[in-house]
Amino acid sequence: MAPRRGAEPEVEEVVSLTFDKPLSWRAGKPIATGELLKRLETLADELVDMDQEEVNKSSFTKVAKELAGQNLLSHKDKGVRAYTACCLVDILKLCAPDAPFSGSQLKDIFTLFITSILPALSDPSHAYNTQH
């Protein structure tokens, strides 16, 4: 249907990421696992509701760098790795085809998917199954 005469054309609103809590830490000063899980879950909830056509991709720069860090990719807690992967998948989806990661970071990210996430898919009773 054609727009009415005199009707304002729809203007797409650009949405920026509002999550602003740190996800990385300095040596000897780690973020408690429970707090880290809360932060990652908050970030995952925000990312999942975003649309690729309406996002300010530059707002992902800081969080993408933190998510691709070894502190999260090789964290001892399965939940932290699951939520990290969840957030990474959403950032890859939202920024496609231009991922905000270097080649070596992408290798580390896909290594996480292959070594931690794919094997966990075989266990539907896994505590973080919905994130996988």
Protein backbone atom coordinates (compact mmCIF):
# COMPACT_ATOMS: atom_id res chain seq x y z
CA MET A 1 0.00 0.00 0.00
CA ALA A 2 1.32 3.46 -0.92
CA PRO A 3 1.90 6.00 1.84
CA ARG A 4 -0.70 8.72 2.27
CA ARG A 5 0.01 12.11 0.83
CA GLY A 6 1.59 14.36 3.36
CA ALA A 7 2.51 11.40 5.57
CA GLU A 8 5.94 11.53 7.14
CA PRO A 9 8.24 8.81 5.79
CA GLU A 10 9.37 6.41 8.48
CA VAL A 11 12.79 7.26 9.80
CA GLU A 12 14.80 4.31 11.04
CA GLU A 13 16.20 4.97 14.47
CA VAL A 14 19.78 3.89 15.03
CA VAL A 15 20.17 1.98 18.28
CA SER A 16 23.43 1.89 20.21
CA LEU A 17 24.50 -0.67 22.77
CA THR A 18 23.78 0.65 26.27
CA PHE A 19 25.63 -2.08 28.21
CA ASP A 20 28.59 -0.41 29.92
CA LYS A 21 29.87 -2.75 32.62
CA PRO A 22 33.41 -4.14 32.34
CA LEU A 23 33.82 -7.76 31.24
CA SER A 24 37.60 -7.93 31.47
CA TRP A 25 39.89 -7.54 34.43
CA ARG A 26 43.51 -7.07 35.35
CA ALA A 27 45.64 -9.92 36.59
CA GLY A 28 44.98 -10.63 40.25
CA LYS A 29 41.69 -8.70 40.31
CA PRO A 30 39.13 -11.05 38.67
CA ILE A 31 35.41 -10.35 38.51
CA ALA A 32 33.50 -12.87 40.66
CA THR A 33 31.93 -15.60 38.52
CA GLY A 34 28.40 -14.84 39.75
CA GLU A 35 28.78 -11.15 38.90
CA LEU A 36 30.34 -11.98 35.53
CA LEU A 37 27.42 -14.29 34.70
CA LYS A 38 24.94 -11.51 35.55
CA ARG A 39 26.79 -9.04 33.32
CA LEU A 40 27.01 -11.48 30.42
CA GLU A 41 23.33 -12.38 30.75
CA THR A 42 22.39 -8.68 30.74
CA LEU A 43 24.51 -8.14 27.63
CA ALA A 44 23.05 -11.22 25.91
CA ASP A 45 19.51 -10.02 26.64
CA GLU A 46 20.26 -6.63 25.11
CA LEU A 47 21.99 -8.03 22.02
CA VAL A 48 19.30 -10.58 21.19
CA ASP A 49 16.68 -7.83 20.86
CA MET A 50 18.71 -5.74 18.39
CA ASP A 51 18.14 -5.64 14.65
CA GLN A 52 21.06 -5.56 12.21
CA GLU A 53 19.51 -2.77 10.14
CA GLU A 54 19.03 -0.45 13.11
CA VAL A 55 22.24 -0.75 15.15
CA ASN A 56 25.20 1.54 15.54
CA LYS A 57 27.89 -1.06 14.89
CA SER A 58 30.64 1.12 16.33
CA SER A 59 28.95 0.86 19.74
CA PHE A 60 30.09 -2.80 19.85
CA THR A 61 33.82 -2.05 19.66
CA LYS A 62 34.67 -2.07 23.38
CA VAL A 63 32.47 -5.02 24.33
CA ALA A 64 33.60 -7.04 21.28
CA LYS A 65 37.24 -6.59 22.32
CA GLU A 66 36.46 -7.75 25.86
CA LEU A 67 34.40 -10.75 24.70
CA ALA A 68 37.24 -11.90 22.43
CA GLY A 69 39.74 -11.82 25.31
CA GLN A 70 41.23 -14.99 26.71
CA ASN A 71 39.81 -14.22 30.17
CA LEU A 72 36.34 -15.05 28.84
CA LEU A 73 37.07 -17.45 25.97
CA SER A 74 39.00 -19.82 28.22
CA HIS A 75 37.20 -19.14 31.51
CA LYS A 76 36.95 -22.16 33.82
CA ASP A 77 33.18 -21.74 34.27
CA LYS A 78 30.99 -23.34 31.58
CA GLY A 79 28.28 -20.72 32.08
CA VAL A 80 30.69 -17.86 31.43
CA ARG A 81 31.85 -19.57 28.23
CA ALA A 82 28.24 -20.27 27.16
CA TYR A 83 27.10 -16.67 27.67
CA THR A 84 30.28 -15.36 26.06
CA ALA A 85 29.58 -17.50 22.99
CA CYS A 86 25.97 -16.34 22.95
CA CYS A 87 27.06 -12.68 22.96
CA LEU A 88 29.73 -13.31 20.32
CA VAL A 89 27.22 -14.98 17.98
CA ASP A 90 24.87 -12.01 18.29
CA ILE A 91 27.67 -9.52 17.61
CA LEU A 92 28.78 -11.53 14.57
CA LYS A 93 25.17 -11.57 13.34
CA LEU A 94 24.61 -7.85 13.94
CA CYS A 95 27.91 -6.76 12.35
CA ALA A 96 27.88 -9.14 9.37
CA PRO A 97 29.65 -9.17 7.01
CA ASP A 98 32.26 -7.01 8.79
CA ALA A 99 33.09 -8.72 12.07
CA PRO A 100 34.73 -6.41 14.64
CA PHE A 101 37.41 -9.04 15.32
CA SER A 102 40.91 -9.73 14.01
CA GLY A 103 41.75 -12.98 12.26
CA SER A 104 43.39 -14.43 15.36
CA GLN A 105 40.41 -13.40 17.51
CA LEU A 106 38.03 -15.11 15.07
CA LYS A 107 40.16 -18.26 15.28
CA ASP A 108 39.92 -18.19 19.09
CA ILE A 109 36.16 -17.53 18.94
CA PHE A 110 35.48 -20.43 16.59
CA THR A 111 37.77 -22.65 18.67
CA LEU A 112 35.48 -21.90 21.64
CA PHE A 113 32.43 -22.84 19.56
CA ILE A 114 33.98 -26.12 18.44
CA THR A 115 35.58 -27.22 21.71
CA SER A 116 32.99 -26.05 24.26
CA ILE A 117 29.66 -25.27 22.66
CA LEU A 118 29.20 -27.98 20.02
CA PRO A 119 29.98 -30.87 22.42
CA ALA A 120 27.54 -29.42 24.98
CA LEU A 121 24.72 -29.56 22.41
CA SER A 122 24.58 -33.33 22.79
CA ASP A 123 23.42 -32.97 26.40
CA PRO A 124 19.93 -31.38 26.59
CA SER A 125 20.07 -31.52 30.39
CA HIS A 126 23.13 -29.24 30.43
CA ALA A 127 22.56 -26.27 32.76
CA TYR A 128 23.26 -23.77 29.97
CA ASN A 129 21.48 -25.65 27.18
CA THR A 130 19.31 -22.65 26.24
CA GLN A 131 22.42 -20.54 25.64
CA HIS A 132 23.88 -23.16 23.33
